[in-house]
């Protein structure tokens, strides 16, 4: 998956489409009890939440730019 989308404006339709594809992948490969960790700037992959909560966090807070390599590994990218 092309990861350049994380630099797009978070409210753009392209960002949202790519975010949904990322979440599809994350929830297919890593969900536990329909929850997965999420790489927003506040959580840093420490908390597990349901899909809509993760989506809202990533729209509002963005991905954690300092840990992007870790994020992709954790989500098997």
N, C-alpha and C. Protein backbone atom coordinates (compact mmCIF):
# COMPACT_ATOMS: atom_id res chain seq x y z
N UNK A 1 0.85 -1.19 0.00
CA UNK A 1 0.00 0.00 0.00
C UNK A 1 0.89 1.24 0.00
N UNK A 2 0.58 2.18 -0.87
CA UNK A 2 1.29 3.45 -0.92
C UNK A 2 0.98 4.22 0.36
N UNK A 3 2.01 4.64 1.06
CA UNK A 3 1.83 5.29 2.35
C UNK A 3 1.84 6.82 2.28
N UNK A 4 1.95 7.38 1.10
CA UNK A 4 2.03 8.83 0.97
C UNK A 4 0.72 9.51 1.39
N UNK A 5 -0.36 8.78 1.45
CA UNK A 5 -1.66 9.35 1.82
C UNK A 5 -1.65 9.94 3.22
N UNK A 6 -0.77 9.48 4.09
CA UNK A 6 -0.77 9.98 5.47
C UNK A 6 -0.39 11.45 5.54
N UNK A 7 0.20 11.97 4.47
CA UNK A 7 0.59 13.39 4.41
C UNK A 7 -0.50 14.29 3.83
N UNK A 8 -1.58 13.68 3.34
CA UNK A 8 -2.67 14.46 2.74
C UNK A 8 -3.47 15.18 3.82
N UNK A 9 -4.25 16.17 3.39
CA UNK A 9 -5.18 16.83 4.32
C UNK A 9 -6.16 15.79 4.84
N UNK A 10 -6.31 15.72 6.12
CA UNK A 10 -7.11 14.65 6.73
C UNK A 10 -8.58 14.69 6.36
N UNK A 11 -9.10 15.81 5.98
CA UNK A 11 -10.51 15.87 5.61
C UNK A 11 -10.74 15.73 4.11
N UNK A 12 -9.68 15.50 3.36
CA UNK A 12 -9.86 15.32 1.91
C UNK A 12 -10.47 13.95 1.63
N UNK A 13 -11.17 13.84 0.53
CA UNK A 13 -11.81 12.57 0.18
C UNK A 13 -10.76 11.49 -0.09
N UNK A 14 -9.62 11.88 -0.65
CA UNK A 14 -8.57 10.91 -0.93
C UNK A 14 -7.99 10.33 0.37
N UNK A 15 -7.75 11.19 1.36
CA UNK A 15 -7.26 10.72 2.66
C UNK A 15 -8.26 9.74 3.27
N UNK A 16 -9.54 10.11 3.24
CA UNK A 16 -10.57 9.26 3.84
C UNK A 16 -10.66 7.91 3.14
N UNK A 17 -10.54 7.89 1.81
CA UNK A 17 -10.56 6.63 1.07
C UNK A 17 -9.37 5.75 1.45
N UNK A 18 -8.19 6.36 1.52
CA UNK A 18 -6.99 5.60 1.88
C UNK A 18 -7.04 5.15 3.34
N UNK A 19 -7.57 5.98 4.21
CA UNK A 19 -7.74 5.61 5.61
C UNK A 19 -8.66 4.40 5.72
N UNK A 20 -9.75 4.40 4.99
CA UNK A 20 -10.67 3.27 5.02
C UNK A 20 -10.00 1.99 4.52
N UNK A 21 -9.17 2.10 3.49
CA UNK A 21 -8.43 0.93 2.99
C UNK A 21 -7.44 0.44 4.05
N UNK A 22 -6.76 1.36 4.72
CA UNK A 22 -5.84 1.00 5.80
C UNK A 22 -6.59 0.29 6.92
N UNK A 23 -7.75 0.83 7.29
CA UNK A 23 -8.55 0.21 8.36
C UNK A 23 -9.08 -1.15 7.95
N UNK A 24 -9.46 -1.31 6.68
CA UNK A 24 -9.88 -2.62 6.19
C UNK A 24 -8.77 -3.63 6.42
N UNK A 25 -7.57 -3.24 6.04
CA UNK A 25 -6.41 -4.12 6.20
C UNK A 25 -6.12 -4.40 7.67
N UNK A 26 -6.10 -3.35 8.49
CA UNK A 26 -5.79 -3.50 9.91
C UNK A 26 -6.81 -4.39 10.61
N UNK A 27 -8.08 -4.21 10.31
CA UNK A 27 -9.09 -5.01 10.98
C UNK A 27 -9.17 -6.43 10.43
N UNK A 28 -8.72 -6.64 9.21
CA UNK A 28 -8.67 -7.99 8.65
C UNK A 28 -7.52 -8.78 9.25
N UNK A 29 -6.40 -8.13 9.46
CA UNK A 29 -5.20 -8.85 9.89
C UNK A 29 -4.92 -8.79 11.38
N UNK A 30 -5.37 -7.76 12.08
CA UNK A 30 -4.93 -7.57 13.45
C UNK A 30 -6.02 -7.37 14.49
N UNK A 31 -7.25 -7.47 14.13
CA UNK A 31 -8.27 -7.17 15.13
C UNK A 31 -8.39 -8.30 16.15
N UNK A 32 -8.65 -7.91 17.37
CA UNK A 32 -8.91 -8.82 18.47
C UNK A 32 -10.25 -8.39 19.07
N UNK A 33 -11.21 -9.29 19.05
CA UNK A 33 -12.56 -8.94 19.52
C UNK A 33 -13.10 -7.71 18.82
N UNK A 34 -12.86 -7.63 17.50
CA UNK A 34 -13.33 -6.53 16.66
C UNK A 34 -12.73 -5.18 17.06
N UNK A 35 -11.52 -5.21 17.63
CA UNK A 35 -10.80 -3.99 17.99
C UNK A 35 -9.37 -4.12 17.49
N UNK A 36 -8.74 -2.96 17.23
CA UNK A 36 -7.33 -2.96 16.84
C UNK A 36 -6.66 -1.74 17.47
N UNK A 37 -5.34 -1.80 17.53
CA UNK A 37 -4.60 -0.63 18.02
C UNK A 37 -4.63 0.44 16.95
N UNK A 38 -4.43 1.66 17.37
CA UNK A 38 -4.49 2.73 16.39
C UNK A 38 -3.35 3.71 16.58
N UNK A 39 -2.79 4.14 15.45
CA UNK A 39 -1.56 4.94 15.45
C UNK A 39 -1.80 6.44 15.39
N UNK A 40 -2.74 6.95 16.17
CA UNK A 40 -2.89 8.40 16.16
C UNK A 40 -1.80 9.02 17.03
N UNK A 41 -1.61 10.30 16.89
CA UNK A 41 -0.53 11.00 17.59
C UNK A 41 -0.68 10.90 19.11
N UNK A 42 -1.88 10.71 19.60
CA UNK A 42 -2.08 10.62 21.05
C UNK A 42 -1.92 9.20 21.59
N UNK A 43 -2.37 8.21 20.86
CA UNK A 43 -2.39 6.85 21.40
C UNK A 43 -1.11 6.06 21.16
N UNK A 44 -0.43 6.33 20.04
CA UNK A 44 0.81 5.63 19.74
C UNK A 44 0.70 4.11 19.76
N UNK A 45 -0.40 3.55 19.27
CA UNK A 45 -0.62 2.11 19.21
C UNK A 45 -0.74 1.44 20.57
N UNK A 46 -1.06 2.17 21.61
CA UNK A 46 -1.16 1.58 22.94
C UNK A 46 -2.56 1.12 23.30
N UNK A 47 -3.56 1.59 22.59
CA UNK A 47 -4.94 1.28 22.95
C UNK A 47 -5.65 0.57 21.82
N UNK A 48 -6.59 -0.29 22.16
CA UNK A 48 -7.39 -1.00 21.17
C UNK A 48 -8.81 -0.44 21.21
N UNK A 49 -9.34 -0.15 20.02
CA UNK A 49 -10.68 0.41 19.91
C UNK A 49 -11.38 -0.20 18.70
N UNK A 50 -12.69 0.02 18.63
CA UNK A 50 -13.46 -0.42 17.48
C UNK A 50 -13.18 0.50 16.30
N UNK A 51 -13.55 0.03 15.13
CA UNK A 51 -13.19 0.71 13.88
C UNK A 51 -13.58 2.19 13.84
N UNK A 52 -14.81 2.52 14.18
CA UNK A 52 -15.24 3.91 14.05
C UNK A 52 -14.47 4.83 14.99
N UNK A 53 -14.13 4.36 16.16
CA UNK A 53 -13.33 5.16 17.10
C UNK A 53 -11.94 5.39 16.53
N UNK A 54 -11.35 4.35 15.97
CA UNK A 54 -10.03 4.48 15.35
C UNK A 54 -10.09 5.47 14.20
N UNK A 55 -11.12 5.34 13.37
CA UNK A 55 -11.26 6.23 12.21
C UNK A 55 -11.35 7.69 12.65
N UNK A 56 -12.19 7.97 13.63
CA UNK A 56 -12.35 9.34 14.12
C UNK A 56 -11.04 9.87 14.68
N UNK A 57 -10.34 9.06 15.45
CA UNK A 57 -9.05 9.51 16.00
C UNK A 57 -8.06 9.85 14.89
N UNK A 58 -8.02 9.01 13.86
CA UNK A 58 -7.07 9.26 12.77
C UNK A 58 -7.48 10.44 11.90
N UNK A 59 -8.75 10.74 11.86
CA UNK A 59 -9.20 11.94 11.16
C UNK A 59 -8.92 13.20 11.98
N UNK A 60 -9.11 13.11 13.26
CA UNK A 60 -8.97 14.30 14.11
C UNK A 60 -7.53 14.56 14.57
N UNK A 61 -6.79 13.52 14.85
CA UNK A 61 -5.46 13.67 15.45
C UNK A 61 -4.31 13.32 14.51
N UNK A 62 -4.57 12.68 13.43
CA UNK A 62 -3.57 12.27 12.45
C UNK A 62 -2.73 11.10 12.95
N UNK A 63 -1.94 10.55 12.04
CA UNK A 63 -1.02 9.47 12.39
C UNK A 63 0.14 10.05 13.16
N UNK A 64 0.71 9.22 13.97
CA UNK A 64 1.89 9.60 14.74
C UNK A 64 3.09 9.62 13.80
N UNK A 65 3.51 10.77 13.38
CA UNK A 65 4.61 10.92 12.43
C UNK A 65 5.94 10.41 12.94
N UNK A 66 6.17 10.46 14.24
CA UNK A 66 7.44 9.98 14.81
C UNK A 66 7.56 8.48 14.76
N UNK A 67 6.46 7.78 14.70
CA UNK A 67 6.49 6.32 14.76
C UNK A 67 5.92 5.65 13.53
N UNK A 68 5.95 6.30 12.38
CA UNK A 68 5.31 5.73 11.21
C UNK A 68 5.89 4.39 10.78
N UNK A 69 7.21 4.19 10.89
CA UNK A 69 7.77 2.89 10.52
C UNK A 69 7.23 1.79 11.43
N UNK A 70 7.14 2.07 12.71
CA UNK A 70 6.59 1.11 13.66
C UNK A 70 5.14 0.82 13.34
N UNK A 71 4.39 1.85 13.00
CA UNK A 71 2.97 1.71 12.68
C UNK A 71 2.78 0.73 11.54
N UNK A 72 3.54 0.88 10.47
CA UNK A 72 3.36 0.02 9.30
C UNK A 72 3.75 -1.42 9.64
N UNK A 73 4.76 -1.61 10.45
CA UNK A 73 5.15 -2.96 10.84
C UNK A 73 4.06 -3.59 11.69
N UNK A 74 3.54 -2.84 12.67
CA UNK A 74 2.49 -3.37 13.54
C UNK A 74 1.25 -3.75 12.76
N UNK A 75 0.97 -3.04 11.70
CA UNK A 75 -0.22 -3.32 10.89
C UNK A 75 0.12 -4.16 9.66
N UNK A 76 1.27 -4.80 9.72
CA UNK A 76 1.74 -5.75 8.69
C UNK A 76 1.73 -5.15 7.29
N UNK A 77 2.23 -3.95 7.20
CA UNK A 77 2.36 -3.28 5.90
C UNK A 77 3.77 -3.47 5.39
